[in-house]
Amino acid sequence: MLSFSQRGAWWLASPLIAASVLMVLGPALVTLLVAFTEYDALSAPVFTGLENFHTLRADPLFWTALSNSTLIAAIGGPLRLVLALALALLLVHDRRGVRTARAVTYMPSVVPDVAYALLWLWILNPVFGPLGLGLRALGLPSDEWLLSPTGARLSIVLLGLFQIGEVYVVLLAARRELPAELYELCEMEGVSPWWVFRKVTLPMLLPTLVFLAARDVAWSLQFSFVPALVITKGGPNFATLFLPLYVYQNGFEYLRFGYAAAISVAMFVLTGAMVWVQWLVLRRWQRQNT
């Protein structure tokens, strides 16, 4: 029997639960069902069993998109987390200019994705973009960012590094909740800041870091869609063909909704596998440091 406070909590959470069922679980179930069909949105779906998944296995573009997405998530996710943690620790104390720095850190995360991508399309333009002009002024090559596979991938990673506002805010709040007495005691003992970070701050922030790492893997796989669509168009030489873009192409350009749904299922499995690997690594690190 639920108590009054428990019933009240369920009532307060009911709108979020209903929205999650309607907007997350429902579409996910439909996607899973469509993945076993041939469907072009013009006629009734036809059940084909595992045919779409057999096609995935033999599709070289799918494996290219899979490797590109994995690479971006493996590189961009840890970099974003490290940068957000560094800024949270740097800006944790209130002093002159800190509030402005906090606002600047969060600002790119509230810019609409298309507008943000268009801004970077101008910045990275090798002819008249400010980054290209600055590199040429230094005598450095300026046409590698969008015209070479490595440069295009690094450009996508660079875009993601500026959108760390949500991760930064969570880490800042978590750091400010840590007991101040612990840091006062460390200061009285005269231990080094690195020791304090490694033995006090990092272990206490670990649960938050685990949660954010799992969240950021899913975000890293999803955010690449708009930059790849607006800036690189999946090129050059399919270097920025990511799974979300490949889903979009198959579903809305080629009307292969069944195949696009199968790719979405594969992307979900990839996300779960990467989160699981992160959890294993972080749990092992925690055991070694406790």
Protein backbone atom coordinates (compact mmCIF):
# COMPACT_ATOMS: atom_id res chain seq x y z
CA MET A 1 0.00 0.00 0.00
CA LEU A 2 1.47 3.33 -1.07
CA SER A 3 1.66 6.14 1.45
CA PHE A 4 0.23 9.57 0.77
CA SER A 5 3.66 11.02 -0.06
CA GLN A 6 4.40 8.11 -2.43
CA ARG A 7 1.07 8.55 -4.20
CA GLY A 8 1.79 12.26 -4.51
CA ALA A 9 5.20 11.54 -6.02
CA TRP A 10 3.63 9.21 -8.60
CA TRP A 11 1.05 11.85 -9.49
CA LEU A 12 3.79 14.44 -9.96
CA ALA A 13 5.81 12.06 -12.12
CA SER A 14 2.83 10.87 -14.18
CA PRO A 15 3.10 13.57 -16.91
CA LEU A 16 6.76 12.67 -17.50
CA ILE A 17 5.97 8.95 -17.48
CA ALA A 18 3.11 9.43 -19.95
CA ALA A 19 5.29 11.58 -22.22
CA SER A 20 8.08 9.00 -22.10
CA VAL A 21 5.67 6.22 -23.09
CA LEU A 22 4.10 8.25 -25.91
CA MET A 23 7.25 9.87 -27.30
CA VAL A 24 10.00 7.32 -26.51
CA LEU A 25 8.75 3.82 -25.78
CA GLY A 26 5.93 3.95 -28.30
CA PRO A 27 8.04 5.09 -31.28
CA ALA A 28 10.81 2.67 -30.23
CA LEU A 29 8.37 -0.25 -30.34
CA VAL A 30 7.01 0.87 -33.73
CA THR A 31 10.56 1.18 -35.07
CA LEU A 32 11.36 -2.34 -33.90
CA LEU A 33 8.25 -3.71 -35.64
CA VAL A 34 8.90 -1.79 -38.87
CA ALA A 35 12.48 -3.14 -38.94
CA PHE A 36 11.04 -6.55 -39.86
CA THR A 37 9.06 -5.21 -42.80
CA GLU A 38 9.48 -3.67 -46.23
CA TYR A 39 7.72 -0.33 -46.03
CA ASP A 40 7.83 2.72 -48.31
CA ALA A 41 5.07 4.81 -46.62
CA LEU A 42 3.05 4.59 -49.86
CA SER A 43 1.68 1.09 -49.41
CA ALA A 44 1.02 -1.31 -46.56
CA PRO A 45 4.12 -2.77 -44.88
CA VAL A 46 5.07 -6.31 -45.89
CA PHE A 47 6.62 -8.59 -43.28
CA THR A 48 10.07 -9.76 -44.44
CA GLY A 49 11.52 -11.22 -41.25
CA LEU A 50 15.26 -10.74 -40.85
CA GLU A 51 15.84 -9.66 -44.45
CA ASN A 52 16.69 -6.06 -43.53
CA PHE A 53 19.28 -7.25 -41.02
CA HIS A 54 20.81 -9.61 -43.58
CA THR A 55 21.04 -6.64 -45.93
CA LEU A 56 22.76 -4.62 -43.19
CA ARG A 57 25.41 -7.26 -42.80
CA ALA A 58 26.34 -7.03 -46.49
CA ASP A 59 25.97 -3.23 -46.83
CA PRO A 60 29.42 -1.54 -46.98
CA LEU A 61 27.91 1.92 -46.40
CA PHE A 62 26.32 0.73 -43.17
CA TRP A 63 29.68 -0.48 -41.87
CA THR A 64 31.27 2.81 -42.94
CA ALA A 65 28.59 4.76 -41.06
CA LEU A 66 28.98 2.46 -38.07
CA SER A 67 32.74 2.92 -37.89
CA ASN A 68 32.43 6.71 -38.35
CA SER A 69 29.81 6.98 -35.57
CA THR A 70 31.85 4.80 -33.22
CA LEU A 71 34.97 6.87 -33.86
CA ILE A 72 33.23 10.18 -33.23
CA ALA A 73 31.62 8.89 -30.01
CA ALA A 74 34.87 7.32 -28.78
CA ILE A 75 36.87 10.52 -29.36
CA GLY A 76 34.32 13.25 -28.78
CA GLY A 77 32.59 11.78 -25.71
CA PRO A 78 35.65 11.60 -23.40
CA LEU A 79 36.94 14.97 -24.63
CA ARG A 80 33.59 16.63 -23.87
CA LEU A 81 33.47 15.07 -20.41
CA VAL A 82 37.04 16.09 -19.55
CA LEU A 83 36.48 19.64 -20.80
CA ALA A 84 33.19 20.01 -18.91
CA LEU A 85 34.80 18.69 -15.70
CA ALA A 86 37.76 21.04 -16.07
CA LEU A 87 35.48 24.06 -16.55
CA ALA A 88 33.24 23.02 -13.66
CA LEU A 89 36.23 22.83 -11.31
CA LEU A 90 37.71 26.06 -12.67
CA LEU A 91 34.47 28.04 -12.32
CA VAL A 92 33.14 26.50 -9.10
CA HIS A 93 34.01 29.44 -6.85
CA ASP A 94 32.21 32.76 -7.15
CA ARG A 95 34.61 35.53 -8.06
CA ARG A 96 34.85 38.36 -10.52
CA GLY A 97 33.99 37.32 -14.08
CA VAL A 98 32.93 33.78 -13.18
CA ARG A 99 29.22 34.34 -13.81
CA THR A 100 29.95 35.68 -17.27
CA ALA A 101 32.22 32.73 -18.00
CA ARG A 102 29.49 30.32 -16.87
CA ALA A 103 26.97 31.97 -19.20
CA VAL A 104 29.42 31.84 -22.11
CA THR A 105 30.09 28.15 -21.43
CA TYR A 106 26.41 27.30 -21.53
CA MET A 107 25.38 29.56 -24.41
CA PRO A 108 26.29 27.29 -27.39
CA SER A 109 24.03 24.57 -26.01
CA VAL A 110 20.88 26.70 -26.42
CA VAL A 111 21.58 27.70 -30.02
CA PRO A 112 19.33 25.78 -32.48
CA ASP A 113 21.23 22.93 -34.13
CA VAL A 114 20.76 24.19 -37.70
CA ALA A 115 21.84 27.73 -36.82
CA TYR A 116 24.86 26.34 -34.94
CA ALA A 117 25.83 24.19 -37.95
CA LEU A 118 25.47 27.11 -40.35
CA LEU A 119 27.67 29.25 -38.11
CA TRP A 120 30.40 26.61 -38.21
CA LEU A 121 29.96 26.20 -41.95
CA TRP A 122 31.03 29.84 -42.22
CA ILE A 123 33.84 29.48 -39.66
CA LEU A 124 35.31 26.42 -41.39
CA ASN A 125 34.97 27.74 -44.93
CA PRO A 126 38.48 27.35 -46.41
CA VAL A 127 38.17 30.48 -48.60
CA PHE A 128 36.65 33.26 -46.48
CA GLY A 129 36.03 31.65 -43.07
CA PRO A 130 37.81 33.21 -40.07
CA LEU A 131 39.54 29.94 -39.22
CA GLY A 132 40.94 29.62 -42.75
CA LEU A 133 42.04 33.25 -42.79
CA GLY A 134 43.78 32.84 -39.44
CA LEU A 135 45.58 29.67 -40.52
CA ARG A 136 46.78 31.27 -43.76
CA ALA A 137 48.04 34.29 -41.82
CA LEU A 138 50.16 31.87 -39.76
CA GLY A 139 51.41 30.11 -42.87
CA LEU A 140 49.46 26.93 -42.10
CA PRO A 141 47.25 24.92 -44.49
CA SER A 142 43.64 26.10 -44.34
CA ASP A 143 41.81 23.76 -46.70
CA GLU A 144 42.02 20.54 -44.70
CA TRP A 145 39.06 21.02 -42.37
CA LEU A 146 36.22 20.15 -44.74
CA LEU A 147 38.06 18.80 -47.80
CA SER A 148 39.90 15.85 -46.23
CA PRO A 149 38.36 12.88 -44.38
CA THR A 150 40.42 13.46 -41.23
CA GLY A 151 39.75 17.18 -41.21
CA ALA A 152 36.02 16.70 -41.70
CA ARG A 153 35.81 14.24 -38.79
CA LEU A 154 37.84 16.57 -36.56
CA SER A 155 35.48 19.38 -37.51
CA ILE A 156 32.51 17.37 -36.22
CA VAL A 157 34.37 16.62 -32.98
CA LEU A 158 35.25 20.32 -32.62
CA LEU A 159 31.60 21.32 -33.01
CA GLY A 160 30.60 19.01 -30.18
CA LEU A 161 33.24 20.33 -27.80
CA PHE A 162 31.48 23.69 -27.59
CA GLN A 163 28.08 22.18 -26.77
CA ILE A 164 28.90 20.99 -23.25
CA GLY A 165 26.52 23.31 -21.41
CA GLU A 166 24.26 20.62 -19.94
CA VAL A 167 27.14 18.39 -18.88
CA TYR A 168 28.96 21.37 -17.40
CA VAL A 169 25.94 22.54 -15.39
CA VAL A 170 25.38 19.08 -13.89
CA LEU A 171 29.05 18.72 -12.93
CA LEU A 172 29.14 22.25 -11.51
CA ALA A 173 26.09 21.54 -9.35
CA ALA A 174 27.55 18.22 -8.22
CA ARG A 175 30.87 19.84 -7.29
CA ARG A 176 29.18 22.63 -5.33
CA GLU A 177 27.28 20.00 -3.31
CA LEU A 178 30.47 18.35 -2.05
CA PRO A 179 31.17 19.07 1.65
CA ALA A 180 33.34 22.15 2.05
CA GLU A 181 34.74 20.70 5.27
CA LEU A 182 36.68 18.09 3.32
CA TYR A 183 38.51 20.73 1.30
CA GLU A 184 39.19 22.82 4.39
CA LEU A 185 40.72 19.77 6.05
CA CYS A 186 42.87 19.05 2.99
CA GLU A 187 44.06 22.66 3.01
CA MET A 188 44.98 22.41 6.69
CA GLU A 189 46.92 19.20 5.99
CA GLY A 190 48.80 20.93 3.17
CA VAL A 191 48.17 18.28 0.52
CA SER A 192 48.61 19.14 -3.15
CA PRO A 193 45.67 20.15 -5.37
CA TRP A 194 46.31 17.09 -7.57
CA TRP A 195 46.00 14.79 -4.54
CA VAL A 196 42.74 16.50 -3.56
CA PHE A 197 41.37 16.07 -7.07
CA ARG A 198 42.43 12.42 -7.35
CA LYS A 199 41.51 11.28 -3.84
CA VAL A 200 38.56 13.51 -2.92
CA THR A 201 36.88 15.26 -5.84
CA LEU A 202 37.05 12.58 -8.52
CA PRO A 203 35.82 9.62 -6.38
CA MET A 204 32.91 11.68 -5.05
CA LEU A 205 31.93 12.85 -8.54
CA LEU A 206 32.24 9.36 -10.02
CA PRO A 207 28.49 8.47 -9.90
CA THR A 208 27.70 11.71 -11.73
CA LEU A 209 30.48 11.09 -14.24
CA VAL A 210 29.19 7.56 -14.94
CA PHE A 211 25.71 8.90 -15.60
CA LEU A 212 26.98 11.71 -17.83
CA ALA A 213 29.31 9.37 -19.74
CA ALA A 214 26.40 7.08 -20.58
CA ARG A 215 24.25 10.04 -21.57
CA ASP A 216 27.01 11.55 -23.67
CA VAL A 217 27.53 8.38 -25.71
CA ALA A 218 23.91 8.54 -26.86
CA TRP A 219 24.25 12.28 -27.47
CA SER A 220 27.47 11.87 -29.48
CA LEU A 221 25.79 9.36 -31.79
CA GLN A 222 22.81 11.67 -32.36
CA PHE A 223 24.25 15.17 -32.57
CA SER A 224 26.36 14.39 -35.65
CA PHE A 225 23.25 14.28 -37.84
CA VAL A 226 22.74 18.02 -38.34
CA PRO A 227 26.43 18.95 -38.92
CA ALA A 228 26.83 16.05 -41.35
CA LEU A 229 23.65 17.03 -43.20
CA VAL A 230 24.27 20.79 -43.31
CA ILE A 231 28.07 21.10 -43.41
CA THR A 232 29.70 18.02 -44.91
CA LYS A 233 26.80 16.19 -46.65
CA GLY A 234 28.33 12.93 -45.45
CA GLY A 235 31.62 13.53 -47.28
CA PRO A 236 34.30 13.67 -48.32
CA ASN A 237 34.42 10.05 -49.45
CA PHE A 238 31.75 9.10 -46.88
CA ALA A 239 34.08 10.19 -44.05
CA THR A 240 31.19 11.86 -42.20
CA LEU A 241 28.44 9.42 -43.14
CA PHE A 242 27.09 8.66 -39.67
CA LEU A 243 24.32 6.30 -38.66
CA PRO A 244 21.66 9.03 -38.05
CA LEU A 245 22.38 10.52 -41.49
CA TYR A 246 22.22 7.08 -43.11
CA VAL A 247 18.87 6.47 -41.39
CA TYR A 248 17.58 9.78 -42.75
CA GLN A 249 18.78 9.04 -46.28
CA ASN A 250 17.21 5.60 -46.41
CA GLY A 251 13.96 6.67 -44.79
CA PHE A 252 13.20 10.07 -46.29
CA GLU A 253 15.22 10.12 -49.50
CA TYR A 254 14.93 6.50 -50.66
CA LEU A 255 11.63 5.68 -48.83
CA ARG A 256 13.15 2.49 -47.40
CA PHE A 257 11.57 2.89 -43.98
CA GLY A 258 11.96 -0.77 -43.05
CA TYR A 259 15.67 -0.68 -43.74
CA ALA A 260 16.03 2.67 -41.96
CA ALA A 261 14.29 1.17 -38.93
CA ALA A 262 16.75 -1.75 -38.97
CA ILE A 263 19.65 0.74 -38.94
CA SER A 264 18.01 2.51 -35.98
CA VAL A 265 17.82 -0.79 -34.09
CA ALA A 266 21.50 -1.40 -34.83
CA MET A 267 22.31 2.10 -33.56
CA PHE A 268 20.39 1.40 -30.36
CA VAL A 269 22.37 -1.82 -29.85
CA LEU A 270 25.63 0.07 -30.48
CA THR A 271 24.67 2.70 -27.90
CA GLY A 272 23.91 0.03 -25.32
CA ALA A 273 27.20 -1.77 -26.01
CA MET A 274 29.25 1.43 -25.65
CA VAL A 275 27.47 2.34 -22.40
CA TRP A 276 28.14 -1.16 -21.06
CA VAL A 277 31.86 -0.91 -21.92
CA GLN A 278 32.04 2.48 -20.20
CA TRP A 279 30.39 1.07 -17.11
CA LEU A 280 32.89 -1.81 -16.96
CA VAL A 281 35.87 0.52 -17.35
CA LEU A 282 34.64 3.00 -14.73
CA ARG A 283 33.74 0.22 -12.28
CA ARG A 284 37.23 -1.24 -12.65
CA TRP A 285 38.78 2.18 -12.12
CA GLN A 286 36.65 2.67 -9.00
CA ARG A 287 37.77 -0.66 -7.56
CA GLN A 288 41.42 0.19 -8.15
CA ASN A 289 41.10 3.56 -6.41
CA THR A 290 39.08 2.56 -3.36
